[in-house]
Each structure stands twice: as structure tokens, then as C-alpha cells.
Amino acid sequence: MRWPSDEGAWTNGSGDVRADGALTARSRPALQTPNYSDGCVLKHILNPSESAKETQHFDNSRSACSDRMVRRMTITAFRNPAVLAFSDYTVQGIVTDPNDGSAQDAFTSFNFELLPNLPPEHHNGRFRMPRTMSISITRIAFLRTGAPQTAGLLAHEQLHYDVGFVIARQLAREFNIIDAATDAALRTTINQLIQLHFHTRARLIQTRYDRESNHGLNAHFQRVWSQNMRGCLANPHASQIGGWML
């Protein structure tokens, strides 16, 4: 990640965490608009002669709505797309896994970005990340020319992509609780967390997954990993997959 811009704002970056660990700049995808479809609307009472019952109803509604708005004001993670298709892959003559140098039918990893580009914010005399930021996960996907486009291959590759998303969720939770006395100290902590989660832990999980599943050829361990990932995705507070920390 590049820190900071001339204006002191967060500078966006991305990273292929299954390659050499280097971060490369990329364009920012469109931001997702928060969903307010649960009816969280504050009713403004203009008539002072309304009944106490109606006023109490407003107060209760306002309180419940405020609670939901507070819960929304947290750093989150999202991915686009959520589910991969072979049409998402770039076809090329040779595909190599950078972890072990082996030739493969496909390779899947992910980019990450912090969006939007905002400066740190002050809160209770300390610096923290703005709660309106999100971690965006997008695909890195290559398919060997002539490779059989089977459901099994796509399922194996989808899990590699899912690793990026579940790690981003864990990192977002940690971003929500960190703060620091200075801007520089906050940025140091952020870079350390990015290195830990998106590089060290992601690489360990990806490597172990390919080793145990033999790049998807070992049906037993592919099922084990797929079951573990389904459980991990279903639990928004998951901090590990198969005993491996996210």
C-alpha cells in the first residue's frame, strides 16, 4: 500500500497475495451503495399537538433506527464478483502457480483496495480509520488455453478467491478497533495488519489448500476444504478456516 498522498489521505493500492507479495496499483471499482431497504427512516414530527402516544412511537423508532445506523457505520468488506465463472478468466498459453512454479490449468487470486480515498479521522483525541471505508476484493484469474472448463476446476479456484474475502472480513473487524496517538503510528499498524493477513496468513492458507487437495485432484481433501469454507462464509465472525487463522 502507498502511504500517504500529498493531501494526507489514504492512497489506494492492491495486492496479489499469492505471488511475490508486491503491491501494484489498479483502478478503483465503483463503490457499492449502502442498502437502506429495511425501512430505517426518521419520521419528523411537525405538529406539536400530536398525541403523546404518537410522540413515544417516534422516539422508539428514532432509537431503533439510530442503533441500526451505528451498526452500519463500520468498516466492511465486499467482493465483486462474489461467484466466479470461466468468463471471468483471462485465457493464456501457460499458467503457472507462483507459489511452487508448477504448471496449472488455472490460477486464481485476488486484489484488495481500501475505498474510498479518505484521510484518517480524529476520535476522542486519537487517530482511527474512517468508518465509511471498505475493503474491496476483486479477482486475479488466468485459465490455460485448452484447459477443460469443468465444475470441479471452477470450484477449486473459487475457494482460492473466497480466501481473500474471508480474510478481508477479519481485517475489517480489526480495522474497526485500532487507533493510535499519531497519524504515523496508525499507518504503521495498518501496514502491519495488511502484511499479517493479506500476505503471511493468506499465503499459508493458499499453499496448504493446494498441497492437501493436490490442486483439486485429491477429492477427499477438496471436499474437506470446501466444507470448511462453506462454514467460514456462513459465519460473518469467523476468524479461522480449518484451524488456520485468517
Foldseek 3Di string as FASTA:
>chain_A
DDDDDPVQWRDKWKDFQQADTDIHRDDDDDDDDDDPVVPLDQDDDDDPPDDPVVVVVNVVSPVVSVVVVVVLLFAEEDEPPLADDCVVAAEDAWDARNNPRDTDQKAKAKMKIKDDTGHWDDDPQWTARGSVIYIYIYMDMYGHVPRDRDPLLRLLRSLNSLLVRLLRLVLRVVSRPDIGNDSVVRVVVNVVSCCVRSHVLSNVVVVVLCVVCVSRVNPVSSVQQSVQSVVSVVDSNDQAGPPRGD
